[in-house]
């Protein structure tokens, strides 16, 4: 059953609608990575939903400010990292 599920999933990945949906997900993955790694969103500083919500809003605003500043300064976005295994496949 696991092999059948994997096969159906791989077949679904070839559909253009899946590629369109995954493109959107790939964009948000970078944002989530930036928030957790650079801005400390893995843990909150405060207790209580109202304070945590405020922290999330301020962190998101800071992230947008960083991206806007980079865009205005003409800073190029980083390319997606290619793993060592993938480099071997290209060779």
C-alpha atoms as a PDB file:
ATOM      1  CA  UNK A   1       0.000   0.000   0.000  1.00  0.00           C
ATOM      2  CA  UNK A   2       2.871   2.413   0.722  1.00  0.00           C
ATOM      3  CA  UNK A   3       4.299   1.894  -2.757  1.00  0.00           C
ATOM      4  CA  UNK A   4       0.900   2.523  -4.336  1.00  0.00           C
ATOM      5  CA  UNK A   5       0.471   5.754  -2.372  1.00  0.00           C
ATOM      6  CA  UNK A   6       3.951   6.927  -3.363  1.00  0.00           C
ATOM      7  CA  UNK A   7       3.278   6.097  -7.019  1.00  0.00           C
ATOM      8  CA  UNK A   8      -0.042   8.010  -7.005  1.00  0.00           C
ATOM      9  CA  UNK A   9       1.650  10.990  -5.369  1.00  0.00           C
ATOM     10  CA  UNK A  10       4.403  11.069  -7.974  1.00  0.00           C
ATOM     11  CA  UNK A  11       1.831  10.872 -10.773  1.00  0.00           C
ATOM     12  CA  UNK A  12      -0.077  13.763  -9.214  1.00  0.00           C
ATOM     13  CA  UNK A  13       3.112  15.854  -9.146  1.00  0.00           C
ATOM     14  CA  UNK A  14       3.232  15.786 -12.948  1.00  0.00           C
ATOM     15  CA  UNK A  15      -0.082  17.630 -13.318  1.00  0.00           C
ATOM     16  CA  UNK A  16       0.212  21.330 -14.157  1.00  0.00           C
ATOM     17  CA  UNK A  17      -2.253  22.318 -11.410  1.00  0.00           C
ATOM     18  CA  UNK A  18       0.010  20.705  -8.821  1.00  0.00           C
ATOM     19  CA  UNK A  19       3.015  22.617 -10.150  1.00  0.00           C
ATOM     20  CA  UNK A  20       1.058  25.876  -9.934  1.00  0.00           C
ATOM     21  CA  UNK A  21       0.023  25.170  -6.339  1.00  0.00           C
ATOM     22  CA  UNK A  22       3.515  24.081  -5.351  1.00  0.00           C
ATOM     23  CA  UNK A  23       4.998  27.287  -6.779  1.00  0.00           C
ATOM     24  CA  UNK A  24       2.900  29.222  -4.272  1.00  0.00           C
ATOM     25  CA  UNK A  25       4.024  26.951  -1.438  1.00  0.00           C
ATOM     26  CA  UNK A  26       7.675  27.285  -2.445  1.00  0.00           C
ATOM     27  CA  UNK A  27       7.354  31.056  -2.098  1.00  0.00           C
ATOM     28  CA  UNK A  28       6.001  30.911   1.428  1.00  0.00           C
ATOM     29  CA  UNK A  29       8.595  28.324   2.508  1.00  0.00           C
ATOM     30  CA  UNK A  30      11.336  30.942   2.126  1.00  0.00           C
ATOM     31  CA  UNK A  31       9.353  33.420   4.201  1.00  0.00           C
ATOM     32  CA  UNK A  32       8.779  30.905   6.987  1.00  0.00           C
ATOM     33  CA  UNK A  33      12.459  29.967   6.935  1.00  0.00           C
ATOM     34  CA  UNK A  34      13.483  33.614   7.196  1.00  0.00           C
ATOM     35  CA  UNK A  35      11.112  34.245  10.096  1.00  0.00           C
ATOM     36  CA  UNK A  36      12.256  31.207  12.077  1.00  0.00           C
ATOM     37  CA  UNK A  37      15.982  31.435  11.413  1.00  0.00           C
ATOM     38  CA  UNK A  38      16.650  35.165  11.294  1.00  0.00           C
ATOM     39  CA  UNK A  39      13.893  36.631  13.434  1.00  0.00           C
ATOM     40  CA  UNK A  40      13.487  34.079  16.209  1.00  0.00           C
ATOM     41  CA  UNK A  41       9.916  32.994  15.537  1.00  0.00           C
ATOM     42  CA  UNK A  42      10.510  29.470  16.757  1.00  0.00           C
ATOM     43  CA  UNK A  43       9.630  30.600  20.271  1.00  0.00           C
ATOM     44  CA  UNK A  44       7.679  33.569  21.547  1.00  0.00           C
ATOM     45  CA  UNK A  45       8.902  36.010  24.170  1.00  0.00           C
ATOM     46  CA  UNK A  46       5.507  36.600  25.743  1.00  0.00           C
ATOM     47  CA  UNK A  47       2.653  34.703  27.345  1.00  0.00           C
ATOM     48  CA  UNK A  48      -0.934  35.192  26.367  1.00  0.00           C
ATOM     49  CA  UNK A  49      -2.545  35.179  22.954  1.00  0.00           C
ATOM     50  CA  UNK A  50      -2.823  38.966  22.662  1.00  0.00           C
ATOM     51  CA  UNK A  51       0.885  39.516  23.324  1.00  0.00           C
ATOM     52  CA  UNK A  52       1.935  36.638  21.087  1.00  0.00           C
ATOM     53  CA  UNK A  53      -0.287  37.986  18.309  1.00  0.00           C
ATOM     54  CA  UNK A  54       1.314  41.418  18.695  1.00  0.00           C
ATOM     55  CA  UNK A  55       4.768  39.842  18.461  1.00  0.00           C
ATOM     56  CA  UNK A  56       3.776  38.057  15.261  1.00  0.00           C
ATOM     57  CA  UNK A  57       2.462  41.268  13.722  1.00  0.00           C
ATOM     58  CA  UNK A  58       5.594  43.226  14.612  1.00  0.00           C
ATOM     59  CA  UNK A  59       7.864  40.457  13.338  1.00  0.00           C
ATOM     60  CA  UNK A  60       5.942  40.301  10.055  1.00  0.00           C
ATOM     61  CA  UNK A  61       6.189  44.085   9.715  1.00  0.00           C
ATOM     62  CA  UNK A  62       9.937  43.878  10.326  1.00  0.00           C
ATOM     63  CA  UNK A  63      10.261  41.162   7.705  1.00  0.00           C
ATOM     64  CA  UNK A  64       8.370  43.292   5.170  1.00  0.00           C
ATOM     65  CA  UNK A  65      10.540  46.283   6.019  1.00  0.00           C
ATOM     66  CA  UNK A  66      13.701  44.219   5.465  1.00  0.00           C
ATOM     67  CA  UNK A  67      12.439  42.965   2.106  1.00  0.00           C
ATOM     68  CA  UNK A  68      11.364  46.446   1.012  1.00  0.00           C
ATOM     69  CA  UNK A  69      14.761  47.860   1.970  1.00  0.00           C
ATOM     70  CA  UNK A  70      16.552  45.096   0.061  1.00  0.00           C
ATOM     71  CA  UNK A  71      14.349  45.754  -2.968  1.00  0.00           C
ATOM     72  CA  UNK A  72      14.978  49.505  -2.871  1.00  0.00           C
ATOM     73  CA  UNK A  73      18.733  48.960  -2.525  1.00  0.00           C
ATOM     74  CA  UNK A  74      18.706  46.577  -5.499  1.00  0.00           C
ATOM     75  CA  UNK A  75      19.918  43.593  -3.507  1.00  0.00           C
ATOM     76  CA  UNK A  76      19.531  40.349  -5.442  1.00  0.00           C
ATOM     77  CA  UNK A  77      17.608  37.509  -3.850  1.00  0.00           C
ATOM     78  CA  UNK A  78      19.581  34.394  -2.983  1.00  0.00           C
ATOM     79  CA  UNK A  79      19.383  31.447  -5.338  1.00  0.00           C
ATOM     80  CA  UNK A  80      18.024  28.170  -4.080  1.00  0.00           C
ATOM     81  CA  UNK A  81      20.771  26.018  -2.666  1.00  0.00           C
ATOM     82  CA  UNK A  82      21.620  22.886  -4.636  1.00  0.00           C
ATOM     83  CA  UNK A  83      22.530  19.878  -2.510  1.00  0.00           C
ATOM     84  CA  UNK A  84      25.753  17.942  -3.081  1.00  0.00           C
ATOM     85  CA  UNK A  85      23.732  14.968  -4.278  1.00  0.00           C
ATOM     86  CA  UNK A  86      21.878  17.099  -6.829  1.00  0.00           C
ATOM     87  CA  UNK A  87      25.189  18.541  -8.064  1.00  0.00           C
ATOM     88  CA  UNK A  88      26.337  15.004  -8.782  1.00  0.00           C
ATOM     89  CA  UNK A  89      23.150  14.344 -10.756  1.00  0.00           C
ATOM     90  CA  UNK A  90      23.805  17.414 -12.946  1.00  0.00           C
ATOM     91  CA  UNK A  91      27.393  16.352 -13.675  1.00  0.00           C
END
